[in-house]
Amino acid sequence: MIKAMNRKQLPKSFFLLIAVFSLFSFLFVNLHSGFAKSQVCPNVKIEQAKMEDSDDSKATNIPIPDITVIERLWRLAQKVVETAS
């Protein structure tokens, strides 16, 4: 008899525990978000950094590596050979 009663109470207590935990979680999240919103200062202005003009406003020429030029010529030659065949 005692074992049968324990088996019936276990699911009820388990569901009660889940319900209490869910209610506590719901209240905690909502109350925490309410307090967090009230602590934020609404008059904060974020300044963006401006780009400064450098003294070297001339366009700099970046040299192209020789390997890149050779590779481009090689691919062009391959395409010409393929189309000629």
PDB file of N, CA and C in Angstrom:
ATOM      1  N   MET A   1       0.804  -1.183   0.000  1.00  0.00           N
ATOM      2  CA  MET A   1       0.000   0.000   0.000  1.00  0.00           C
ATOM      3  C   MET A   1       0.859   1.264   0.000  1.00  0.00           C
ATOM      4  N   ILE A   2       1.897   1.288   0.778  1.00  0.00           N
ATOM      5  CA  ILE A   2       2.735   2.477   0.888  1.00  0.00           C
ATOM      6  C   ILE A   2       3.471   2.722  -0.430  1.00  0.00           C
ATOM      7  N   LYS A   3       3.939   1.651  -1.078  1.00  0.00           N
ATOM      8  CA  LYS A   3       4.638   1.804  -2.352  1.00  0.00           C
ATOM      9  C   LYS A   3       3.702   2.361  -3.419  1.00  0.00           C
ATOM     10  N   ALA A   4       2.469   1.933  -3.409  1.00  0.00           N
ATOM     11  CA  ALA A   4       1.510   2.409  -4.391  1.00  0.00           C
ATOM     12  C   ALA A   4       1.222   3.893  -4.195  1.00  0.00           C
ATOM     13  N   MET A   5       1.196   4.352  -2.970  1.00  0.00           N
ATOM     14  CA  MET A   5       0.953   5.769  -2.694  1.00  0.00           C
ATOM     15  C   MET A   5       2.139   6.622  -3.135  1.00  0.00           C
ATOM     16  N   ASN A   6       3.345   6.120  -2.945  1.00  0.00           N
ATOM     17  CA  ASN A   6       4.529   6.869  -3.354  1.00  0.00           C
ATOM     18  C   ASN A   6       4.575   7.031  -4.871  1.00  0.00           C
ATOM     19  N   ARG A   7       4.161   6.015  -5.583  1.00  0.00           N
ATOM     20  CA  ARG A   7       4.168   6.083  -7.048  1.00  0.00           C
ATOM     21  C   ARG A   7       3.167   7.109  -7.553  1.00  0.00           C
ATOM     22  N   LYS A   8       2.029   7.248  -6.888  1.00  0.00           N
ATOM     23  CA  LYS A   8       1.019   8.223  -7.299  1.00  0.00           C
ATOM     24  C   LYS A   8       1.462   9.650  -6.959  1.00  0.00           C
ATOM     25  N   GLN A   9       2.159   9.844  -5.876  1.00  0.00           N
ATOM     26  CA  GLN A   9       2.570  11.181  -5.461  1.00  0.00           C
ATOM     27  C   GLN A   9       3.776  11.681  -6.261  1.00  0.00           C
ATOM     28  N   LEU A  10       4.599  10.783  -6.757  1.00  0.00           N
ATOM     29  CA  LEU A  10       5.791  11.193  -7.482  1.00  0.00           C
ATOM     30  C   LEU A  10       5.461  12.024  -8.717  1.00  0.00           C
ATOM     31  N   PRO A  11       4.571  11.586  -9.595  1.00  0.00           N
ATOM     32  CA  PRO A  11       4.256  12.431 -10.757  1.00  0.00           C
ATOM     33  C   PRO A  11       3.625  13.764 -10.364  1.00  0.00           C
ATOM     34  N   LYS A  12       2.775  13.743  -9.352  1.00  0.00           N
ATOM     35  CA  LYS A  12       2.145  14.990  -8.923  1.00  0.00           C
ATOM     36  C   LYS A  12       3.183  15.968  -8.377  1.00  0.00           C
ATOM     37  N   SER A  13       4.112  15.486  -7.590  1.00  0.00           N
ATOM     38  CA  SER A  13       5.123  16.381  -7.032  1.00  0.00           C
ATOM     39  C   SER A  13       6.096  16.847  -8.117  1.00  0.00           C
ATOM     40  N   PHE A  14       6.352  15.973  -9.089  1.00  0.00           N
ATOM     41  CA  PHE A  14       7.241  16.344 -10.188  1.00  0.00           C
ATOM     42  C   PHE A  14       6.617  17.465 -11.019  1.00  0.00           C
ATOM     43  N   PHE A  15       5.331  17.331 -11.357  1.00  0.00           N
ATOM     44  CA  PHE A  15       4.647  18.362 -12.133  1.00  0.00           C
ATOM     45  C   PHE A  15       4.503  19.654 -11.339  1.00  0.00           C
ATOM     46  N   LEU A  16       4.299  19.535 -10.031  1.00  0.00           N
ATOM     47  CA  LEU A  16       4.232  20.721  -9.191  1.00  0.00           C
ATOM     48  C   LEU A  16       5.578  21.434  -9.169  1.00  0.00           C
ATOM     49  N   LEU A  17       6.647  20.672  -9.091  1.00  0.00           N
ATOM     50  CA  LEU A  17       7.987  21.257  -9.113  1.00  0.00           C
ATOM     51  C   LEU A  17       8.251  21.972 -10.441  1.00  0.00           C
ATOM     52  N   ILE A  18       7.833  21.365 -11.541  1.00  0.00           N
ATOM     53  CA  ILE A  18       8.009  21.988 -12.860  1.00  0.00           C
ATOM     54  C   ILE A  18       7.193  23.275 -12.949  1.00  0.00           C
ATOM     55  N   ALA A  19       5.965  23.260 -12.441  1.00  0.00           N
ATOM     56  CA  ALA A  19       5.108  24.446 -12.488  1.00  0.00           C
ATOM     57  C   ALA A  19       5.681  25.579 -11.650  1.00  0.00           C
ATOM     58  N   VAL A  20       6.184  25.273 -10.464  1.00  0.00           N
ATOM     59  CA  VAL A  20       6.781  26.303  -9.609  1.00  0.00           C
ATOM     60  C   VAL A  20       8.045  26.858 -10.252  1.00  0.00           C
ATOM     61  N   PHE A  21       8.864  26.010 -10.824  1.00  0.00           N
ATOM     62  CA  PHE A  21      10.085  26.465 -11.491  1.00  0.00           C
ATOM     63  C   PHE A  21       9.759  27.367 -12.680  1.00  0.00           C
ATOM     64  N   SER A  22       8.760  26.992 -13.469  1.00  0.00           N
ATOM     65  CA  SER A  22       8.358  27.795 -14.623  1.00  0.00           C
ATOM     66  C   SER A  22       7.856  29.163 -14.196  1.00  0.00           C
ATOM     67  N   LEU A  23       7.044  29.193 -13.139  1.00  0.00           N
ATOM     68  CA  LEU A  23       6.535  30.464 -12.634  1.00  0.00           C
ATOM     69  C   LEU A  23       7.669  31.341 -12.122  1.00  0.00           C
ATOM     70  N   PHE A  24       8.592  30.754 -11.370  1.00  0.00           N
ATOM     71  CA  PHE A  24       9.741  31.509 -10.860  1.00  0.00           C
ATOM     72  C   PHE A  24      10.585  32.056 -12.007  1.00  0.00           C
ATOM     73  N   SER A  25      10.820  31.238 -13.032  1.00  0.00           N
ATOM     74  CA  SER A  25      11.612  31.676 -14.177  1.00  0.00           C
ATOM     75  C   SER A  25      10.929  32.817 -14.907  1.00  0.00           C
ATOM     76  N   PHE A  26       9.628  32.713 -15.113  1.00  0.00           N
ATOM     77  CA  PHE A  26       8.865  33.758 -15.787  1.00  0.00           C
ATOM     78  C   PHE A  26       8.952  35.072 -15.016  1.00  0.00           C
ATOM     79  N   LEU A  27       8.747  35.004 -13.716  1.00  0.00           N
ATOM     80  CA  LEU A  27       8.815  36.212 -12.896  1.00  0.00           C
ATOM     81  C   LEU A  27      10.223  36.794 -12.876  1.00  0.00           C
ATOM     82  N   PHE A  28      11.227  35.964 -12.754  1.00  0.00           N
ATOM     83  CA  PHE A  28      12.603  36.452 -12.700  1.00  0.00           C
ATOM     84  C   PHE A  28      12.981  37.173 -13.983  1.00  0.00           C
ATOM     85  N   VAL A  29      12.665  36.584 -15.123  1.00  0.00           N
ATOM     86  CA  VAL A  29      13.030  37.190 -16.404  1.00  0.00           C
ATOM     87  C   VAL A  29      12.313  38.518 -16.590  1.00  0.00           C
ATOM     88  N   ASN A  30      11.032  38.565 -16.301  1.00  0.00           N
ATOM     89  CA  ASN A  30      10.276  39.805 -16.502  1.00  0.00           C
ATOM     90  C   ASN A  30      10.696  40.891 -15.526  1.00  0.00           C
ATOM     91  N   LEU A  31      10.907  40.545 -14.281  1.00  0.00           N
ATOM     92  CA  LEU A  31      11.334  41.552 -13.310  1.00  0.00           C
ATOM     93  C   LEU A  31      12.747  42.042 -13.610  1.00  0.00           C
ATOM     94  N   HIS A  32      13.619  41.146 -13.994  1.00  0.00           N
ATOM     95  CA  HIS A  32      14.996  41.533 -14.311  1.00  0.00           C
ATOM     96  C   HIS A  32      15.032  42.461 -15.521  1.00  0.00           C
ATOM     97  N   SER A  33      14.238  42.165 -16.542  1.00  0.00           N
ATOM     98  CA  SER A  33      14.229  43.029 -17.722  1.00  0.00           C
ATOM     99  C   SER A  33      13.627  44.390 -17.387  1.00  0.00           C
ATOM    100  N   GLY A  34      12.659  44.428 -16.500  1.00  0.00           N
ATOM    101  CA  GLY A  34      12.068  45.705 -16.082  1.00  0.00           C
ATOM    102  C   GLY A  34      13.061  46.564 -15.325  1.00  0.00           C
ATOM    103  N   PHE A  35      13.836  45.970 -14.447  1.00  0.00           N
ATOM    104  CA  PHE A  35      14.833  46.737 -13.708  1.00  0.00           C
ATOM    105  C   PHE A  35      15.996  47.144 -14.604  1.00  0.00           C
ATOM    106  N   ALA A  36      16.364  46.298 -15.541  1.00  0.00           N
ATOM    107  CA  ALA A  36      17.477  46.609 -16.434  1.00  0.00           C
ATOM    108  C   ALA A  36      17.120  47.779 -17.347  1.00  0.00           C
ATOM    109  N   LYS A  37      15.879  47.856 -17.805  1.00  0.00           N
ATOM    110  CA  LYS A  37      15.467  48.961 -18.670  1.00  0.00           C
ATOM    111  C   LYS A  37      15.422  50.271 -17.911  1.00  0.00           C
ATOM    112  N   SER A  38      15.044  50.242 -16.651  1.00  0.00           N
ATOM    113  CA  SER A  38      14.931  51.481 -15.883  1.00  0.00           C
ATOM    114  C   SER A  38      16.298  52.047 -15.510  1.00  0.00           C
ATOM    115  N   GLN A  39      17.352  51.234 -15.531  1.00  0.00           N
ATOM    116  CA  GLN A  39      18.674  51.707 -15.147  1.00  0.00           C
ATOM    117  C   GLN A  39      19.468  52.273 -16.308  1.00  0.00           C
ATOM    118  N   VAL A  40      18.996  52.112 -17.532  1.00  0.00           N
ATOM    119  CA  VAL A  40      19.703  52.621 -18.699  1.00  0.00           C
ATOM    120  C   VAL A  40      19.460  54.111 -18.814  1.00  0.00           C
ATOM    121  N   CYS A  41      20.504  54.861 -19.039  1.00  0.00           N
ATOM    122  CA  CYS A  41      20.390  56.306 -19.171  1.00  0.00           C
ATOM    123  C   CYS A  41      19.970  56.643 -20.605  1.00  0.00           C
ATOM    124  N   PRO A  42      18.820  57.276 -20.807  1.00  0.00           N
ATOM    125  CA  PRO A  42      18.343  57.522 -22.168  1.00  0.00           C
ATOM    126  C   PRO A  42      19.039  58.689 -22.867  1.00  0.00           C
ATOM    127  N   ASN A  43      19.771  59.543 -22.143  1.00  0.00           N
ATOM    128  CA  ASN A  43      20.368  60.736 -22.744  1.00  0.00           C
ATOM    129  C   ASN A  43      21.825  60.544 -23.134  1.00  0.00           C
ATOM    130  N   VAL A  44      22.243  59.338 -23.320  1.00  0.00           N
ATOM    131  CA  VAL A  44      23.627  59.069 -23.680  1.00  0.00           C
ATOM    132  C   VAL A  44      23.796  59.279 -25.176  1.00  0.00           C
ATOM    133  N   LYS A  45      24.792  60.082 -25.539  1.00  0.00           N
ATOM    134  CA  LYS A  45      25.093  60.307 -26.949  1.00  0.00           C
ATOM    135  C   LYS A  45      26.412  59.632 -27.274  1.00  0.00           C
ATOM    136  N   ILE A  46      26.396  58.852 -28.331  1.00  0.00           N
ATOM    137  CA  ILE A  46      27.604  58.160 -28.754  1.00  0.00           C
ATOM    138  C   ILE A  46      28.207  58.942 -29.904  1.00  0.00           C
ATOM    139  N   GLU A  47      29.427  59.375 -29.710  1.00  0.00           N
ATOM    140  CA  GLU A  47      30.100  60.144 -30.751  1.00  0.00           C
ATOM    141  C   GLU A  47      30.882  59.205 -31.649  1.00  0.00           C
ATOM    142  N   GLN A  48      30.765  59.463 -32.931  1.00  0.00           N
ATOM    143  CA  GLN A  48      31.505  58.655 -33.884  1.00  0.00           C
ATOM    144  C   GLN A  48      32.810  59.351 -34.220  1.00  0.00           C
ATOM    145  N   ALA A  49      33.847  58.557 -34.352  1.00  0.00           N
ATOM    146  CA  ALA A  49      35.152  59.104 -34.690  1.00  0.00           C
ATOM    147  C   ALA A  49      35.147  59.551 -36.148  1.00  0.00           C
ATOM    148  N   LYS A  50      35.718  60.726 -36.393  1.00  0.00           N
ATOM    149  CA  LYS A  50      35.780  61.236 -37.757  1.00  0.00           C
ATOM    150  C   LYS A  50      37.109  60.850 -38.378  1.00  0.00           C
ATOM    151  N   MET A  51      37.075  60.649 -39.668  1.00  0.00           N
ATOM    152  CA  MET A  51      38.301  60.304 -40.381  1.00  0.00           C
ATOM    153  C   MET A  51      39.120  61.572 -40.564  1.00  0.00           C
ATOM    154  N   GLU A  52      40.379  61.466 -40.273  1.00  0.00           N
ATOM    155  CA  GLU A  52      41.269  62.608 -40.444  1.00  0.00           C
ATOM    156  C   GLU A  52      41.970  62.518 -41.787  1.00  0.00           C
ATOM    157  N   ASP A  53      42.140  63.659 -42.417  1.00  0.00           N
ATOM    158  CA  ASP A  53      42.878  63.697 -43.667  1.00  0.00           C
ATOM    159  C   ASP A  53      44.357  63.580 -43.364  1.00  0.00           C
ATOM    160  N   SER A  54      44.995  62.695 -44.068  1.00  0.00           N
ATOM    161  CA  SER A  54      46.427  62.536 -43.853  1.00  0.00           C
ATOM    162  C   SER A  54      47.183  63.511 -44.748  1.00  0.00           C
ATOM    163  N   ASP A  55      48.430  63.738 -44.409  1.00  0.00           N
ATOM    164  CA  ASP A  55      49.262  64.650 -45.195  1.00  0.00           C
ATOM    165  C   ASP A  55      49.552  64.076 -46.572  1.00  0.00           C
ATOM    166  N   ASP A  56      49.591  62.768 -46.660  1.00  0.00           N
ATOM    167  CA  ASP A  56      49.873  62.122 -47.940  1.00  0.00           C
ATOM    168  C   ASP A  56      48.551  61.833 -48.649  1.00  0.00           C
ATOM    169  N   SER A  57      47.956  62.855 -49.207  1.00  0.00           N
ATOM    170  CA  SER A  57      46.690  62.666 -49.895  1.00  0.00           C
ATOM    171  C   SER A  57      46.890  62.222 -51.336  1.00  0.00           C
ATOM    172  N   LYS A  58      48.153  62.092 -51.743  1.00  0.00           N
ATOM    173  CA  LYS A  58      48.443  61.631 -53.097  1.00  0.00           C
ATOM    174  C   LYS A  58      48.109  60.145 -53.202  1.00  0.00           C
ATOM    175  N   ALA A  59      47.735  59.743 -54.397  1.00  0.00           N
ATOM    176  CA  ALA A  59      47.448  58.324 -54.632  1.00  0.00           C
ATOM    177  C   ALA A  59      48.762  57.561 -54.626  1.00  0.00           C
ATOM    178  N   THR A  60      48.795  56.501 -53.862  1.00  0.00           N
ATOM    179  CA  THR A  60      50.017  55.700 -53.803  1.00  0.00           C
ATOM    180  C   THR A  60      49.924  54.591 -54.828  1.00  0.00           C
ATOM    181  N   ASN A  61      50.992  54.372 -55.516  1.00  0.00           N
ATOM    182  CA  ASN A  61      51.043  53.301 -56.506  1.00  0.00           C
ATOM    183  C   ASN A  61      51.549  52.032 -55.838  1.00  0.00           C
ATOM    184  N   ILE A  62      50.708  51.035 -55.826  1.00  0.00           N
ATOM    185  CA  ILE A  62      51.092  49.753 -55.238  1.00  0.00           C
ATOM    186  C   ILE A  62      51.630  48.883 -56.366  1.00  0.00           C
ATOM    187  N   PRO A  63      52.876  48.461 -56.255  1.00  0.00           N
ATOM    188  CA  PRO A  63      53.439  47.654 -57.336  1.00  0.00           C
ATOM    189  C   PRO A  63      52.790  46.274 -57.392  1.00  0.00           C
ATOM    190  N   ILE A  64      52.539  45.805 -58.602  1.00  0.00           N
ATOM    191  CA  ILE A  64      51.977  44.471 -58.805  1.00  0.00           C
ATOM    192  C   ILE A  64      53.139  43.488 -58.849  1.00  0.00           C
ATOM    193  N   PRO A  65      53.087  42.423 -58.073  1.00  0.00           N
ATOM    194  CA  PRO A  65      54.183  41.453 -58.098  1.00  0.00           C
ATOM    195  C   PRO A  65      54.336  40.826 -59.484  1.00  0.00           C
ATOM    196  N   ASP A  66      55.572  40.502 -59.833  1.00  0.00           N
ATOM    197  CA  ASP A  66      55.860  39.933 -61.141  1.00  0.00           C
ATOM    198  C   ASP A  66      55.159  38.587 -61.333  1.00  0.00           C
ATOM    199  N   ILE A  67      55.003  37.829 -60.262  1.00  0.00           N
ATOM    200  CA  ILE A  67      54.394  36.506 -60.361  1.00  0.00           C
ATOM    201  C   ILE A  67      52.938  36.643 -60.821  1.00  0.00           C
ATOM    202  N   THR A  68      52.259  37.669 -60.335  1.00  0.00           N
ATOM    203  CA  THR A  68      50.871  37.874 -60.725  1.00  0.00           C
ATOM    204  C   THR A  68      50.774  38.176 -62.219  1.00  0.00           C
ATOM    205  N   VAL A  69      51.663  39.002 -62.716  1.00  0.00           N
ATOM    206  CA  VAL A  69      51.652  39.344 -64.137  1.00  0.00           C
ATOM    207  C   VAL A  69      51.954  38.113 -64.977  1.00  0.00           C
ATOM    208  N   ILE A  70      52.936  37.327 -64.548  1.00  0.00           N
ATOM    209  CA  ILE A  70      53.292  36.113 -65.292  1.00  0.00           C
ATOM    210  C   ILE A  70      52.132  35.125 -65.283  1.00  0.00           C
ATOM    211  N   GLU A  71      51.455  34.995 -64.146  1.00  0.00           N
ATOM    212  CA  GLU A  71      50.329  34.073 -64.051  1.00  0.00           C
ATOM    213  C   GLU A  71      49.197  34.510 -64.978  1.00  0.00           C
ATOM    214  N   ARG A  72      48.934  35.794 -65.041  1.00  0.00           N
ATOM    215  CA  ARG A  72      47.881  36.291 -65.929  1.00  0.00           C
ATOM    216  C   ARG A  72      48.239  36.035 -67.389  1.00  0.00           C
ATOM    217  N   LEU A  73      49.492  36.269 -67.751  1.00  0.00           N
ATOM    218  CA  LEU A  73      49.921  36.002 -69.122  1.00  0.00           C
ATOM    219  C   LEU A  73      49.816  34.511 -69.446  1.00  0.00           C
ATOM    220  N   TRP A  74      50.173  33.654 -68.480  1.00  0.00           N
ATOM    221  CA  TRP A  74      50.108  32.207 -68.679  1.00  0.00           C
ATOM    222  C   TRP A  74      48.655  31.761 -68.914  1.00  0.00           C
ATOM    223  N   ARG A  75      47.714  32.267 -68.109  1.00  0.00           N
ATOM    224  CA  ARG A  75      46.301  31.896 -68.268  1.00  0.00           C
ATOM    225  C   ARG A  75      45.758  32.406 -69.603  1.00  0.00           C
ATOM    226  N   LEU A  76      46.157  33.613 -69.990  1.00  0.00           N
ATOM    227  CA  LEU A  76      45.721  34.152 -71.273  1.00  0.00           C
ATOM    228  C   LEU A  76      46.244  33.303 -72.431  1.00  0.00           C
ATOM    229  N   ALA A  77      47.511  32.868 -72.308  1.00  0.00           N
ATOM    230  CA  ALA A  77      48.088  32.019 -73.340  1.00  0.00           C
ATOM    231  C   ALA A  77      47.361  30.683 -73.408  1.00  0.00           C
ATOM    232  N   GLN A  78      46.980  30.116 -72.257  1.00  0.00           N
ATOM    233  CA  GLN A  78      46.242  28.857 -72.249  1.00  0.00           C
ATOM    234  C   GLN A  78      44.882  29.003 -72.926  1.00  0.00           C
ATOM    235  N   LYS A  79      44.204  30.137 -72.679  1.00  0.00           N
ATOM    236  CA  LYS A  79      42.913  30.350 -73.310  1.00  0.00           C
ATOM    237  C   LYS A  79      43.048  30.493 -74.824  1.00  0.00           C
ATOM    238  N   VAL A  80      44.115  31.177 -75.266  1.00  0.00           N
ATOM    239  CA  VAL A  80      44.342  31.354 -76.692  1.00  0.00           C
ATOM    240  C   VAL A  80      44.615  30.009 -77.357  1.00  0.00           C
ATOM    241  N   VAL A  81      45.420  29.166 -76.675  1.00  0.00           N
ATOM    242  CA  VAL A  81      45.754  27.849 -77.233  1.00  0.00           C
ATOM    243  C   VAL A  81      44.495  26.979 -77.295  1.00  0.00           C
ATOM    244  N   GLU A  82      43.648  27.050 -76.257  1.00  0.00           N
ATOM    245  CA  GLU A  82      42.424  26.244 -76.233  1.00  0.00           C
ATOM    246  C   GLU A  82      41.472  26.672 -77.342  1.00  0.00           C
ATOM    247  N   THR A  83      41.358  27.952 -77.565  1.00  0.00           N
ATOM    248  CA  THR A  83      40.430  28.423 -78.610  1.00  0.00           C
ATOM    249  C   THR A  83      41.003  28.165 -80.011  1.00  0.00           C
ATOM    250  N   ALA A  84      42.323  28.134 -80.136  1.00  0.00           N
ATOM    251  CA  ALA A  84      42.939  27.879 -81.434  1.00  0.00           C
ATOM    252  C   ALA A  84      42.857  26.405 -81.818  1.00  0.00           C
ATOM    253  N   SER A  85      42.767  25.551 -80.806  1.00  0.00           N
ATOM    254  CA  SER A  85      42.738  24.092 -81.092  1.00  0.00           C
ATOM    255  C   SER A  85      41.427  23.636 -81.637  1.00  0.00           C
TER     256      SER A  85
END
